[in-house]
């Protein structure tokens, strides 16, 4: 069995998979996209990436679908003052009500209250809910199954206070992505969504795939240069979009075999 790894630039390279036998498998694929705001976002499952247009696209222009980009763009650390205050309340709740206490619920409650207090935008409830759900889910999974109050509360308060430290940045991020999403949805190309998250790229050339192929054959896998981004005649869809769609279909097919 042999593993082949290489990078594929979306806008200029196309994957030639026909030389591989049915026993070959896609070992792994990741993507890195640079957004219009300059944030570099990593995508662990690029087979989910697709473009949406029109009303279907614009209905997804909501804060919950911006968390991947905003959590990468907004990276302030939780303040000690916030975590100390949070952990004191959390430990009290955990020790007095152990049967009903959960890290996620405590984190969400504390996070939403603190976030709303520091938010000044017009859609604070939605923004805070999206940020808190994302951070609390992530942090409270760091020690799954733990019943130790100190450990649970450290995880809980790390998530809550990280959101609170970044609320101002998050507001800016959400406003920027909402504008970008709305604009992309009304364009011919449409908006790019990966596992439900809006990725605000200016062109498909802003994304690069890294692919690893496991093969038991002696065949070869090659890349071929494609034309520069333009229209390929199919509904005015840029030619490079065929590459991203093809990779998604290829990855899905390989997982089923």
C-alpha atoms as a PDB file:
ATOM      1  CA  UNK A   1       0.000   0.000   0.000  1.00  0.00           C
ATOM      2  CA  UNK A   2       1.363   3.400  -0.960  1.00  0.00           C
ATOM      3  CA  UNK A   3       0.419   6.882   0.199  1.00  0.00           C
ATOM      4  CA  UNK A   4       0.665   9.859  -2.129  1.00  0.00           C
ATOM      5  CA  UNK A   5       0.290  13.389  -0.768  1.00  0.00           C
ATOM      6  CA  UNK A   6       0.180  16.638  -2.690  1.00  0.00           C
ATOM      7  CA  UNK A   7      -1.486  20.039  -2.825  1.00  0.00           C
ATOM      8  CA  UNK A   8      -4.057  21.105  -5.365  1.00  0.00           C
ATOM      9  CA  UNK A   9      -4.809  24.754  -6.110  1.00  0.00           C
ATOM     10  CA  UNK A  10      -8.530  24.988  -6.793  1.00  0.00           C
ATOM     11  CA  UNK A  11      -8.391  27.561  -9.511  1.00  0.00           C
ATOM     12  CA  UNK A  12      -5.592  26.051 -11.578  1.00  0.00           C
ATOM     13  CA  UNK A  13      -5.465  22.305 -10.983  1.00  0.00           C
ATOM     14  CA  UNK A  14      -7.875  19.471 -11.662  1.00  0.00           C
ATOM     15  CA  UNK A  15      -7.654  16.034 -10.109  1.00  0.00           C
ATOM     16  CA  UNK A  16      -7.182  13.068 -12.451  1.00  0.00           C
ATOM     17  CA  UNK A  17      -8.611  10.067 -10.603  1.00  0.00           C
ATOM     18  CA  UNK A  18      -9.394   7.704 -13.457  1.00  0.00           C
ATOM     19  CA  UNK A  19      -5.983   6.039 -13.259  1.00  0.00           C
ATOM     20  CA  UNK A  20      -6.735   4.626  -9.803  1.00  0.00           C
ATOM     21  CA  UNK A  21      -8.416   1.255  -9.335  1.00  0.00           C
ATOM     22  CA  UNK A  22     -11.542   0.650  -7.256  1.00  0.00           C
ATOM     23  CA  UNK A  23      -9.387  -0.582  -4.358  1.00  0.00           C
ATOM     24  CA  UNK A  24      -7.797   2.830  -3.918  1.00  0.00           C
ATOM     25  CA  UNK A  25      -9.125   5.029  -1.112  1.00  0.00           C
ATOM     26  CA  UNK A  26      -9.030   8.697  -0.253  1.00  0.00           C
ATOM     27  CA  UNK A  27      -6.961   8.687   2.928  1.00  0.00           C
ATOM     28  CA  UNK A  28      -7.449  12.336   3.747  1.00  0.00           C
ATOM     29  CA  UNK A  29      -8.181  15.730   2.300  1.00  0.00           C
ATOM     30  CA  UNK A  30      -8.094  19.144   3.906  1.00  0.00           C
ATOM     31  CA  UNK A  31      -8.526  22.633   2.514  1.00  0.00           C
ATOM     32  CA  UNK A  32      -7.194  26.052   3.431  1.00  0.00           C
ATOM     33  CA  UNK A  33      -9.091  29.121   2.285  1.00  0.00           C
ATOM     34  CA  UNK A  34      -8.145  32.778   2.587  1.00  0.00           C
ATOM     35  CA  UNK A  35     -11.252  34.889   3.131  1.00  0.00           C
ATOM     36  CA  UNK A  36     -11.811  38.330   1.648  1.00  0.00           C
ATOM     37  CA  UNK A  37     -10.988  39.776   5.069  1.00  0.00           C
ATOM     38  CA  UNK A  38      -7.616  38.003   5.118  1.00  0.00           C
ATOM     39  CA  UNK A  39      -8.495  35.292   7.653  1.00  0.00           C
ATOM     40  CA  UNK A  40      -7.073  31.863   6.798  1.00  0.00           C
ATOM     41  CA  UNK A  41      -9.642  29.150   7.528  1.00  0.00           C
ATOM     42  CA  UNK A  42      -8.884  25.425   7.655  1.00  0.00           C
ATOM     43  CA  UNK A  43     -11.541  22.998   6.412  1.00  0.00           C
ATOM     44  CA  UNK A  44     -11.193  19.418   7.610  1.00  0.00           C
ATOM     45  CA  UNK A  45     -13.823  17.919   5.297  1.00  0.00           C
ATOM     46  CA  UNK A  46     -13.724  19.703   1.925  1.00  0.00           C
ATOM     47  CA  UNK A  47     -16.105  17.148   0.404  1.00  0.00           C
ATOM     48  CA  UNK A  48     -18.901  19.117   2.115  1.00  0.00           C
ATOM     49  CA  UNK A  49     -17.994  22.336   0.289  1.00  0.00           C
ATOM     50  CA  UNK A  50     -20.499  23.599  -2.250  1.00  0.00           C
ATOM     51  CA  UNK A  51     -21.840  26.833  -3.659  1.00  0.00           C
ATOM     52  CA  UNK A  52     -25.320  28.196  -3.000  1.00  0.00           C
ATOM     53  CA  UNK A  53     -27.154  30.999  -4.791  1.00  0.00           C
ATOM     54  CA  UNK A  54     -30.358  32.986  -4.439  1.00  0.00           C
ATOM     55  CA  UNK A  55     -32.807  32.589  -1.573  1.00  0.00           C
ATOM     56  CA  UNK A  56     -31.389  29.228  -0.472  1.00  0.00           C
ATOM     57  CA  UNK A  57     -28.036  30.924  -0.042  1.00  0.00           C
ATOM     58  CA  UNK A  58     -29.235  34.130   1.646  1.00  0.00           C
ATOM     59  CA  UNK A  59     -31.304  32.180   4.183  1.00  0.00           C
ATOM     60  CA  UNK A  60     -28.008  30.787   5.485  1.00  0.00           C
ATOM     61  CA  UNK A  61     -26.429  34.205   6.027  1.00  0.00           C
ATOM     62  CA  UNK A  62     -26.779  33.995   9.814  1.00  0.00           C
ATOM     63  CA  UNK A  63     -24.269  34.300  12.709  1.00  0.00           C
ATOM     64  CA  UNK A  64     -24.396  30.558  13.469  1.00  0.00           C
ATOM     65  CA  UNK A  65     -22.861  29.948  10.042  1.00  0.00           C
ATOM     66  CA  UNK A  66     -19.989  32.374  10.634  1.00  0.00           C
ATOM     67  CA  UNK A  67     -18.479  30.764  13.740  1.00  0.00           C
ATOM     68  CA  UNK A  68     -15.650  28.964  11.908  1.00  0.00           C
ATOM     69  CA  UNK A  69     -14.323  32.196  10.422  1.00  0.00           C
ATOM     70  CA  UNK A  70     -15.036  34.411  13.442  1.00  0.00           C
ATOM     71  CA  UNK A  71     -13.410  32.017  15.929  1.00  0.00           C
ATOM     72  CA  UNK A  72     -10.305  32.026  13.713  1.00  0.00           C
ATOM     73  CA  UNK A  73     -10.352  35.800  13.259  1.00  0.00           C
ATOM     74  CA  UNK A  74     -11.105  36.703  16.899  1.00  0.00           C
ATOM     75  CA  UNK A  75      -8.481  35.157  19.171  1.00  0.00           C
ATOM     76  CA  UNK A  76      -8.372  37.198  22.391  1.00  0.00           C
ATOM     77  CA  UNK A  77      -7.739  35.047  25.475  1.00  0.00           C
ATOM     78  CA  UNK A  78     -10.171  34.846  28.360  1.00  0.00           C
ATOM     79  CA  UNK A  79      -9.364  37.309  31.141  1.00  0.00           C
ATOM     80  CA  UNK A  80      -8.357  36.041  34.580  1.00  0.00           C
ATOM     81  CA  UNK A  81     -10.991  38.227  36.215  1.00  0.00           C
ATOM     82  CA  UNK A  82     -13.706  36.635  34.117  1.00  0.00           C
ATOM     83  CA  UNK A  83     -12.554  33.036  34.635  1.00  0.00           C
ATOM     84  CA  UNK A  84     -12.097  33.495  38.412  1.00  0.00           C
ATOM     85  CA  UNK A  85     -15.600  34.924  38.833  1.00  0.00           C
ATOM     86  CA  UNK A  86     -17.103  32.293  36.556  1.00  0.00           C
ATOM     87  CA  UNK A  87     -15.324  29.377  38.230  1.00  0.00           C
ATOM     88  CA  UNK A  88     -16.474  30.461  41.684  1.00  0.00           C
ATOM     89  CA  UNK A  89     -20.126  30.427  40.589  1.00  0.00           C
ATOM     90  CA  UNK A  90     -19.636  27.273  38.564  1.00  0.00           C
ATOM     91  CA  UNK A  91     -18.047  25.295  41.399  1.00  0.00           C
ATOM     92  CA  UNK A  92     -20.852  26.323  43.746  1.00  0.00           C
ATOM     93  CA  UNK A  93     -23.453  25.083  41.265  1.00  0.00           C
ATOM     94  CA  UNK A  94     -21.519  21.884  40.584  1.00  0.00           C
ATOM     95  CA  UNK A  95     -21.018  20.912  44.230  1.00  0.00           C
ATOM     96  CA  UNK A  96     -24.520  21.819  45.427  1.00  0.00           C
ATOM     97  CA  UNK A  97     -26.419  20.334  42.468  1.00  0.00           C
ATOM     98  CA  UNK A  98     -24.202  17.539  41.107  1.00  0.00           C
ATOM     99  CA  UNK A  99     -27.125  15.499  39.772  1.00  0.00           C
ATOM    100  CA  UNK A 100     -28.352  18.253  37.448  1.00  0.00           C
ATOM    101  CA  UNK A 101     -25.100  20.094  36.712  1.00  0.00           C
ATOM    102  CA  UNK A 102     -23.667  19.960  33.187  1.00  0.00           C
ATOM    103  CA  UNK A 103     -20.648  21.832  31.866  1.00  0.00           C
ATOM    104  CA  UNK A 104     -22.437  22.811  28.628  1.00  0.00           C
ATOM    105  CA  UNK A 105     -25.524  24.205  30.328  1.00  0.00           C
ATOM    106  CA  UNK A 106     -23.554  26.161  32.919  1.00  0.00           C
ATOM    107  CA  UNK A 107     -21.217  27.499  30.254  1.00  0.00           C
ATOM    108  CA  UNK A 108     -24.080  28.547  27.978  1.00  0.00           C
ATOM    109  CA  UNK A 109     -25.927  30.361  30.775  1.00  0.00           C
ATOM    110  CA  UNK A 110     -22.866  32.243  32.010  1.00  0.00           C
ATOM    111  CA  UNK A 111     -21.619  32.950  28.507  1.00  0.00           C
ATOM    112  CA  UNK A 112     -24.898  34.328  27.184  1.00  0.00           C
ATOM    113  CA  UNK A 113     -25.363  36.652  30.158  1.00  0.00           C
ATOM    114  CA  UNK A 114     -21.816  38.009  29.925  1.00  0.00           C
ATOM    115  CA  UNK A 115     -21.926  38.295  26.148  1.00  0.00           C
ATOM    116  CA  UNK A 116     -25.215  40.206  26.160  1.00  0.00           C
ATOM    117  CA  UNK A 117     -23.819  42.631  28.743  1.00  0.00           C
ATOM    118  CA  UNK A 118     -20.893  43.490  26.483  1.00  0.00           C
ATOM    119  CA  UNK A 119     -22.654  43.434  23.113  1.00  0.00           C
ATOM    120  CA  UNK A 120     -23.838  46.646  21.462  1.00  0.00           C
ATOM    121  CA  UNK A 121     -25.139  45.418  18.115  1.00  0.00           C
ATOM    122  CA  UNK A 122     -28.683  45.078  16.817  1.00  0.00           C
ATOM    123  CA  UNK A 123     -28.670  41.267  16.761  1.00  0.00           C
ATOM    124  CA  UNK A 124     -26.839  40.502  20.008  1.00  0.00           C
ATOM    125  CA  UNK A 125     -29.048  37.598  21.076  1.00  0.00           C
ATOM    126  CA  UNK A 126     -28.398  35.667  17.869  1.00  0.00           C
ATOM    127  CA  UNK A 127     -24.692  36.502  17.823  1.00  0.00           C
ATOM    128  CA  UNK A 128     -24.192  35.574  21.470  1.00  0.00           C
ATOM    129  CA  UNK A 129     -26.144  32.344  21.113  1.00  0.00           C
ATOM    130  CA  UNK A 130     -24.063  31.295  18.109  1.00  0.00           C
ATOM    131  CA  UNK A 131     -20.718  32.132  19.742  1.00  0.00           C
ATOM    132  CA  UNK A 132     -21.604  30.592  23.093  1.00  0.00           C
ATOM    133  CA  UNK A 133     -22.927  27.379  21.591  1.00  0.00           C
ATOM    134  CA  UNK A 134     -19.780  26.925  19.502  1.00  0.00           C
ATOM    135  CA  UNK A 135     -17.277  27.672  22.288  1.00  0.00           C
ATOM    136  CA  UNK A 136     -19.160  25.836  25.046  1.00  0.00           C
ATOM    137  CA  UNK A 137     -19.574  22.735  22.905  1.00  0.00           C
ATOM    138  CA  UNK A 138     -15.884  22.739  22.046  1.00  0.00           C
ATOM    139  CA  UNK A 139     -14.539  23.427  25.542  1.00  0.00           C
ATOM    140  CA  UNK A 140     -16.902  21.088  27.383  1.00  0.00           C
ATOM    141  CA  UNK A 141     -15.772  18.201  25.181  1.00  0.00           C
ATOM    142  CA  UNK A 142     -12.131  18.530  26.229  1.00  0.00           C
ATOM    143  CA  UNK A 143     -12.647  16.191  29.211  1.00  0.00           C
ATOM    144  CA  UNK A 144     -15.657  14.047  28.254  1.00  0.00           C
ATOM    145  CA  UNK A 145     -17.193  12.082  31.106  1.00  0.00           C
ATOM    146  CA  UNK A 146     -15.384  14.022  33.819  1.00  0.00           C
ATOM    147  CA  UNK A 147     -17.330  14.468  37.062  1.00  0.00           C
ATOM    148  CA  UNK A 148     -14.643  16.546  38.778  1.00  0.00           C
ATOM    149  CA  UNK A 149     -16.094  20.001  39.439  1.00  0.00           C
ATOM    150  CA  UNK A 150     -12.766  21.811  39.135  1.00  0.00           C
ATOM    151  CA  UNK A 151     -12.029  20.290  35.730  1.00  0.00           C
ATOM    152  CA  UNK A 152     -15.542  20.832  34.407  1.00  0.00           C
ATOM    153  CA  UNK A 153     -15.640  24.435  35.592  1.00  0.00           C
ATOM    154  CA  UNK A 154     -12.260  25.253  34.105  1.00  0.00           C
ATOM    155  CA  UNK A 155     -13.499  23.990  30.736  1.00  0.00           C
ATOM    156  CA  UNK A 156     -16.852  25.714  31.149  1.00  0.00           C
ATOM    157  CA  UNK A 157     -15.406  29.095  32.063  1.00  0.00           C
ATOM    158  CA  UNK A 158     -12.704  28.951  29.416  1.00  0.00           C
ATOM    159  CA  UNK A 159     -15.432  28.718  26.787  1.00  0.00           C
ATOM    160  CA  UNK A 160     -17.674  31.355  28.347  1.00  0.00           C
ATOM    161  CA  UNK A 161     -14.951  33.907  28.966  1.00  0.00           C
ATOM    162  CA  UNK A 162     -13.345  33.417  25.544  1.00  0.00           C
ATOM    163  CA  UNK A 163     -16.619  34.485  23.918  1.00  0.00           C
ATOM    164  CA  UNK A 164     -16.904  37.474  26.244  1.00  0.00           C
ATOM    165  CA  UNK A 165     -13.331  38.573  25.504  1.00  0.00           C
ATOM    166  CA  UNK A 166     -14.032  38.525  21.770  1.00  0.00           C
ATOM    167  CA  UNK A 167     -17.535  39.982  21.619  1.00  0.00           C
ATOM    168  CA  UNK A 168     -16.451  43.278  20.052  1.00  0.00           C
ATOM    169  CA  UNK A 169     -14.398  41.474  17.396  1.00  0.00           C
ATOM    170  CA  UNK A 170     -17.238  39.008  16.817  1.00  0.00           C
ATOM    171  CA  UNK A 171     -19.684  41.844  16.175  1.00  0.00           C
ATOM    172  CA  UNK A 172     -17.335  43.246  13.538  1.00  0.00           C
ATOM    173  CA  UNK A 173     -16.817  39.797  12.048  1.00  0.00           C
ATOM    174  CA  UNK A 174     -20.540  39.022  11.864  1.00  0.00           C
ATOM    175  CA  UNK A 175     -21.298  42.380  10.256  1.00  0.00           C
ATOM    176  CA  UNK A 176     -18.544  41.888   7.691  1.00  0.00           C
ATOM    177  CA  UNK A 177     -19.567  38.314   6.832  1.00  0.00           C
ATOM    178  CA  UNK A 178     -23.262  39.193   6.601  1.00  0.00           C
ATOM    179  CA  UNK A 179     -22.437  41.800   3.987  1.00  0.00           C
ATOM    180  CA  UNK A 180     -20.143  39.412   2.152  1.00  0.00           C
ATOM    181  CA  UNK A 181     -22.641  36.561   2.295  1.00  0.00           C
ATOM    182  CA  UNK A 182     -25.506  38.673   0.984  1.00  0.00           C
ATOM    183  CA  UNK A 183     -23.365  39.963  -1.866  1.00  0.00           C
ATOM    184  CA  UNK A 184     -22.083  36.503  -2.806  1.00  0.00           C
ATOM    185  CA  UNK A 185     -25.595  35.012  -2.734  1.00  0.00           C
ATOM    186  CA  UNK A 186     -26.792  37.513  -5.325  1.00  0.00           C
ATOM    187  CA  UNK A 187     -23.829  36.832  -7.624  1.00  0.00           C
ATOM    188  CA  UNK A 188     -23.538  34.206 -10.357  1.00  0.00           C
ATOM    189  CA  UNK A 189     -20.862  32.288  -8.462  1.00  0.00           C
ATOM    190  CA  UNK A 190     -22.810  32.253  -5.205  1.00  0.00           C
ATOM    191  CA  UNK A 191     -21.565  31.729  -1.666  1.00  0.00           C
ATOM    192  CA  UNK A 192     -19.255  28.929  -0.582  1.00  0.00           C
ATOM    193  CA  UNK A 193     -20.456  26.793   2.337  1.00  0.00           C
ATOM    194  CA  UNK A 194     -18.428  24.027   3.988  1.00  0.00           C
ATOM    195  CA  UNK A 195     -20.161  21.836   6.621  1.00  0.00           C
ATOM    196  CA  UNK A 196     -22.794  24.564   6.853  1.00  0.00           C
ATOM    197  CA  UNK A 197     -20.297  27.374   7.447  1.00  0.00           C
ATOM    198  CA  UNK A 198     -20.075  30.347   5.083  1.00  0.00           C
ATOM    199  CA  UNK A 199     -16.530  30.831   3.768  1.00  0.00           C
ATOM    200  CA  UNK A 200     -16.187  34.337   2.325  1.00  0.00           C
ATOM    201  CA  UNK A 201     -13.716  33.843  -0.519  1.00  0.00           C
ATOM    202  CA  UNK A 202     -13.312  36.277  -3.409  1.00  0.00           C
ATOM    203  CA  UNK A 203     -12.415  33.555  -5.919  1.00  0.00           C
ATOM    204  CA  UNK A 204     -11.941  29.795  -5.971  1.00  0.00           C
ATOM    205  CA  UNK A 205      -8.208  30.418  -6.307  1.00  0.00           C
ATOM    206  CA  UNK A 206      -8.289  31.495  -2.643  1.00  0.00           C
ATOM    207  CA  UNK A 207      -8.655  27.843  -1.590  1.00  0.00           C
ATOM    208  CA  UNK A 208      -6.039  25.118  -1.791  1.00  0.00           C
ATOM    209  CA  UNK A 209      -6.560  21.417  -1.140  1.00  0.00           C
ATOM    210  CA  UNK A 210      -4.082  19.032   0.384  1.00  0.00           C
ATOM    211  CA  UNK A 211      -4.881  15.458  -0.643  1.00  0.00           C
ATOM    212  CA  UNK A 212      -3.527  12.149   0.573  1.00  0.00           C
ATOM    213  CA  UNK A 213      -4.305   9.032  -1.456  1.00  0.00           C
ATOM    214  CA  UNK A 214      -3.828   5.454  -0.267  1.00  0.00           C
ATOM    215  CA  UNK A 215      -3.303   3.138  -3.220  1.00  0.00           C
ATOM    216  CA  UNK A 216      -2.459  -0.531  -3.755  1.00  0.00           C
ATOM    217  CA  UNK A 217      -1.848  -0.103  -7.472  1.00  0.00           C
ATOM    218  CA  UNK A 218       1.216   0.873  -9.444  1.00  0.00           C
ATOM    219  CA  UNK A 219      -0.734   3.465 -11.421  1.00  0.00           C
ATOM    220  CA  UNK A 220      -0.104   7.159 -11.159  1.00  0.00           C
ATOM    221  CA  UNK A 221      -2.114  10.120 -10.029  1.00  0.00           C
ATOM    222  CA  UNK A 222      -1.580  13.384 -11.836  1.00  0.00           C
ATOM    223  CA  UNK A 223      -2.804  16.930 -11.845  1.00  0.00           C
ATOM    224  CA  UNK A 224      -3.542  18.911 -14.962  1.00  0.00           C
ATOM    225  CA  UNK A 225      -3.546  22.631 -15.481  1.00  0.00           C
ATOM    226  CA  UNK A 226      -6.937  24.175 -16.076  1.00  0.00           C
ATOM    227  CA  UNK A 227      -7.806  27.496 -17.622  1.00  0.00           C
ATOM    228  CA  UNK A 228      -7.722  30.583 -15.478  1.00  0.00           C
ATOM    229  CA  UNK A 229     -11.018  31.253 -13.672  1.00  0.00           C
ATOM    230  CA  UNK A 230     -13.685  32.201 -16.161  1.00  0.00           C
ATOM    231  CA  UNK A 231     -16.962  30.931 -17.539  1.00  0.00           C
ATOM    232  CA  UNK A 232     -17.207  27.373 -18.829  1.00  0.00           C
ATOM    233  CA  UNK A 233     -20.560  27.880 -20.510  1.00  0.00           C
ATOM    234  CA  UNK A 234     -22.583  25.928 -17.952  1.00  0.00           C
ATOM    235  CA  UNK A 235     -24.901  28.528 -16.494  1.00  0.00           C
ATOM    236  CA  UNK A 236     -22.040  31.058 -16.310  1.00  0.00           C
ATOM    237  CA  UNK A 237     -20.419  29.050 -13.516  1.00  0.00           C
ATOM    238  CA  UNK A 238     -16.668  29.692 -13.303  1.00  0.00           C
ATOM    239  CA  UNK A 239     -14.686  26.795 -14.759  1.00  0.00           C
ATOM    240  CA  UNK A 240     -12.707  26.373 -11.554  1.00  0.00           C
ATOM    241  CA  UNK A 241     -15.915  25.495  -9.686  1.00  0.00           C
ATOM    242  CA  UNK A 242     -15.905  22.189 -11.522  1.00  0.00           C
ATOM    243  CA  UNK A 243     -12.742  21.303  -9.612  1.00  0.00           C
ATOM    244  CA  UNK A 244     -14.267  21.865  -6.186  1.00  0.00           C
ATOM    245  CA  UNK A 245     -17.423  19.965  -7.087  1.00  0.00           C
ATOM    246  CA  UNK A 246     -15.389  17.151  -8.575  1.00  0.00           C
ATOM    247  CA  UNK A 247     -13.283  16.785  -5.459  1.00  0.00           C
ATOM    248  CA  UNK A 248     -16.362  16.636  -3.257  1.00  0.00           C
ATOM    249  CA  UNK A 249     -17.926  13.931  -5.403  1.00  0.00           C
ATOM    250  CA  UNK A 250     -14.635  12.047  -5.594  1.00  0.00           C
ATOM    251  CA  UNK A 251     -14.196  12.093  -1.809  1.00  0.00           C
ATOM    252  CA  UNK A 252     -17.769  10.974  -1.202  1.00  0.00           C
ATOM    253  CA  UNK A 253     -17.470   8.153  -3.714  1.00  0.00           C
ATOM    254  CA  UNK A 254     -14.196   6.947  -2.235  1.00  0.00           C
ATOM    255  CA  UNK A 255     -15.703   6.837   1.273  1.00  0.00           C
ATOM    256  CA  UNK A 256     -18.579   4.659   0.092  1.00  0.00           C
ATOM    257  CA  UNK A 257     -16.331   2.059  -1.562  1.00  0.00           C
END
